[in-house]
Amino acid sequence: MSSDGTRKQFWKRNAAKVPGSIQHVYGAQHPPFDPLLHANLIKAGNKHPPATPGKPKKATTFQEFESITSDAWDVGDDDDELLAMAAQNLNIEVVMETANKVIENHSKQQERQRLDDSTDLEQRDEDTQEETVEDEEEDEEEEEEEEVEERVEEGDVTSPEVSFASQSSPYTDGRLVKSHSEAPIGSPKDAAGEIAALHRQRSLPHRPPVIPLVARMADQNTSGTPAMTEREASRLDKFKQLLAGPNTDLEELRKLSWSGIPRQVRPITWKLLSGYLPANAERRESVLQRKRQEYFGFIQQYYDSRNDEHHQDTYRQIQIDIPRMSPESLVLQPKVTEIFERILFIWAIRHPASGYVQGINDLVTPFFVVYVFEYIEEEVENFDVSSLQEEALRNIEADSFWCMSKLLDGIQDNYTFAQPGIQRKVKALEELVSRIDESVHRHMQQYEVEYLQFAFRWMNNLLMRELPLRCTIRLWDTYQAEPEGFSHFHLYVCAAFLVRWRKEILEERDFQGLMILLQNLPTMHWGNEEVSVLLAEAYRLKFAFADAPNHYKR
């Protein structure tokens, strides 16, 4: 064992370099370190103790080191003390100058925003309003300057932007205003109505706005053409640049498409990702013409046999199933019904191993809707498809047939005899849920709910009966971009979808209540945000379980 002297020598350290000393803190709570404002603090922090001539500096022992660093990891008021120390040495003139600049810039921004929004407000006396606004802004600026000066004197320095951000008003329509003088000027009756509406909104539970059957630009540009955000415009430019090249990089296109495809480029992107179109731009037009002619050759060859004895049962089932599809406003149009009947019948004739199976009919709709938007701008549920030119309708029909065929080629065992693909996926879903949320799994076991009773439809229809069409189209953006999206990734989406309703499931206390819930999940108002969260959770599950199948097997 070494002596005390040896231990002291071992723990000798330079006290100026040990942890525990005050360090400058940057981040959301404190402004960046400014040598001009913190000059005195720097001097105080860098001041070294005077050296005694001819006498060496005393070494720091381990005990002294321990006492110095005893608070190194404490979460206390060190940050506040540092800020207070800095505040005592701040140059008031510099602070006032900075505050005045911030106030002036903020006033200019608010004035520009007010002028931009003035076109949407009722007409009023602009001269009078400008004088009132300017007077009140000057008063407000003087009050802000006095407040900043008082706070500097008191040592409580806060960024002026914080005080502005905290002053919100029910009249702002989501805009940031400094005072009520910038609020829309209206009659007392209008103001009373707005206040009443505000109280009514606060008293009611949050309800999302009514969303059309096919989403607007905010929900990944499926329909409609409102103004794009800067981010959406940037993503659209990236897609256009990628698609404009002589040979499209499909791997890069998949990466871009995973988080959603802009409406304007969705048709060609789906055709490329599904393998219907080649990556080489020069060959695309010839391939389209050849495939479209081939499809209508099938129509001439097979469609007249739909009433033959050995095909009439298939055709009759197709006729029964199409009116059950959604959206009704689209599929019940005679022209659309006729197109769907041809697509489904020709597919059944060309795939005798499975033939037509209920559920396949739903898979035509997303392709048909997306390819209709190559030719229209308005929302699909309000559009008369028969008003399109005959050539456009033929192109939409052929493209929908081939892309649906490409999809079904990857999941055809879902629709062969006894549907073994669905049986396997439902079993895998049960095993996966038992691992990721045992409470939900045991709850359904307790009330004798079999996964096949509700998840069969999830696999058979790819969640199309559970989600609005706008969400299905957004979901399929990712399925097209994900390797084996429809056959493999869909399992993890179903698992994430089931666990998403964990609270509602655990609240149900009988078999009937659970089945009613699972067959009528409240997704009517879902949009892009909910689907994005669902896909993110599904990707997390895939990352954890896909390459380790034994991990979720008991």
Foldseek 3Di string as FASTA:
>chain_A
DDDPVVQQVVPFDDVLPAAQDDDDDDDDFDHPDDCVLCVVVVCVSPDDPDDDPPDDDDTQGPVNSCVSCVCRPPDDCSVVVVLLVSLVRGDLVVQLVVLLVVLVVVVVVLVVVLVVCVVVADDDDVVVLVVQLVVVSVVVSVVLSVVQSVCSVVSNHDRPVVLQVVDDDLQQPPDGDRDCSSGGDDDVVVVVVSVVVVVVCVVDPDDDDQADLAHDVVQQAQAADDDDDPVVVVLQVVVCVQLPDQFHDLLVLLVSLQLHHHLQCVLVSLCDLLPQAHRGPVCRVVSLVVLLVVLVVLCVVPVVCCCPPVNVVLLVVLLVQQCVEPPNLQSVQVVNVVLLSSLLSSVQVVCVQQRDDPQLSLQLVLLLSSLLSNPDRHDRSPDRSVPDDPVSVSSSSSSSSVSSVSLCVLLVCCRGVVRVLLVVLLVLLLLLLCVPPVVLSVLCVVQVNRSCLQCNSCLSNVCPQVARSNLVNSQVSNLSSDVVSSRPLSSLLVSLVVVVCVVVSVVDDHDVSNSVCSNHPPHSSPGNVVSSVSSVSSVVSCVVDVVPVVVSPD
